Amino acid sequence: MNVSRLSLDLQKILEGKRTLRGNLAARPVAEKLRMLDAMREREFAIRGRVKQRKEEVRMQKEETEDSRK
């Protein structure tokens, strides 16, 4: 990849970030709070899945250890 192209892409990314931040700043507080609530719900859902998967792996490990005895 060409260095000048990389710089150009970085400039596009930074401009996009500025635009997004400006759009978010212009939104009403109530809408920002709704967005925050939605992000929290997704985080809890993701954490719950990770926790559930860890429990499944732990149980499988215990079953494997028990079958070896």
Protein backbone atom coordinates (compact mmCIF):
# COMPACT_ATOMS: atom_id res chain seq x y z
CA MET A 1 0.00 0.00 0.00
CA ASN A 2 1.20 3.47 -0.87
CA VAL A 3 2.06 5.78 2.08
CA SER A 4 0.25 8.76 0.52
CA ARG A 5 -2.87 6.62 0.11
CA LEU A 6 -2.63 5.60 3.77
CA SER A 7 -2.40 9.27 4.78
CA LEU A 8 -5.40 10.09 2.62
CA ASP A 9 -7.41 7.26 4.19
CA LEU A 10 -6.43 8.47 7.67
CA GLN A 11 -7.63 11.94 6.79
CA LYS A 12 -10.97 10.51 5.64
CA ILE A 13 -11.28 8.55 8.88
CA LEU A 14 -10.52 11.59 11.02
CA GLU A 15 -12.99 13.74 9.07
CA GLY A 16 -15.65 11.06 9.48
CA LYS A 17 -15.03 10.99 13.23
CA ARG A 18 -15.37 14.77 13.45
CA THR A 19 -18.62 14.63 11.50
CA LEU A 20 -20.03 11.86 13.68
CA ARG A 21 -19.08 13.70 16.87
CA GLY A 22 -20.72 16.85 15.58
CA ASN A 23 -23.90 14.94 14.73
CA LEU A 24 -23.98 13.32 18.16
CA ALA A 25 -23.38 16.65 19.90
CA ALA A 26 -26.34 18.19 18.04
CA ARG A 27 -28.79 15.49 19.21
CA PRO A 28 -31.12 16.17 22.14
CA VAL A 29 -30.04 14.91 25.56
CA ALA A 30 -33.02 12.54 25.79
CA GLU A 31 -31.95 10.83 22.56
CA LYS A 32 -28.37 10.50 23.81
CA LEU A 33 -29.66 8.89 27.00
CA ARG A 34 -31.74 6.40 24.97
CA MET A 35 -28.64 5.54 22.96
CA LEU A 36 -26.67 5.04 26.18
CA ASP A 37 -29.36 2.72 27.56
CA ALA A 38 -29.28 0.67 24.36
CA MET A 39 -25.48 0.35 24.56
CA ARG A 40 -25.71 -0.78 28.19
CA GLU A 41 -28.30 -3.41 27.30
CA ARG A 42 -26.03 -4.76 24.56
CA GLU A 43 -23.09 -4.81 26.96
CA PHE A 44 -25.07 -6.78 29.54
CA ALA A 45 -26.24 -9.21 26.86
CA ILE A 46 -22.68 -9.75 25.67
CA ARG A 47 -21.34 -10.18 29.21
CA GLY A 48 -24.14 -12.60 29.98
CA ARG A 49 -23.25 -14.73 26.96
CA VAL A 50 -19.57 -14.73 27.91
CA LYS A 51 -20.39 -15.69 31.48
CA GLN A 52 -22.76 -18.43 30.28
CA ARG A 53 -20.12 -19.80 27.89
CA LYS A 54 -17.48 -19.85 30.65
CA GLU A 55 -19.88 -21.85 32.81
CA GLU A 56 -20.52 -24.32 29.96
CA VAL A 57 -16.77 -24.81 29.44
CA ARG A 58 -16.24 -25.30 33.18
CA MET A 59 -18.98 -27.94 33.30
CA GLN A 60 -17.57 -29.74 30.25
CA LYS A 61 -14.13 -29.76 31.86
CA GLU A 62 -15.57 -31.23 35.07
CA GLU A 63 -17.43 -33.91 33.10
CA THR A 64 -14.25 -34.81 31.24
CA GLU A 65 -12.29 -35.05 34.48
CA ASP A 66 -15.03 -37.20 36.07
CA SER A 67 -15.07 -39.58 33.09
CA ARG A 68 -11.31 -40.12 33.43
CA LYS A 69 -11.66 -41.38 37.00
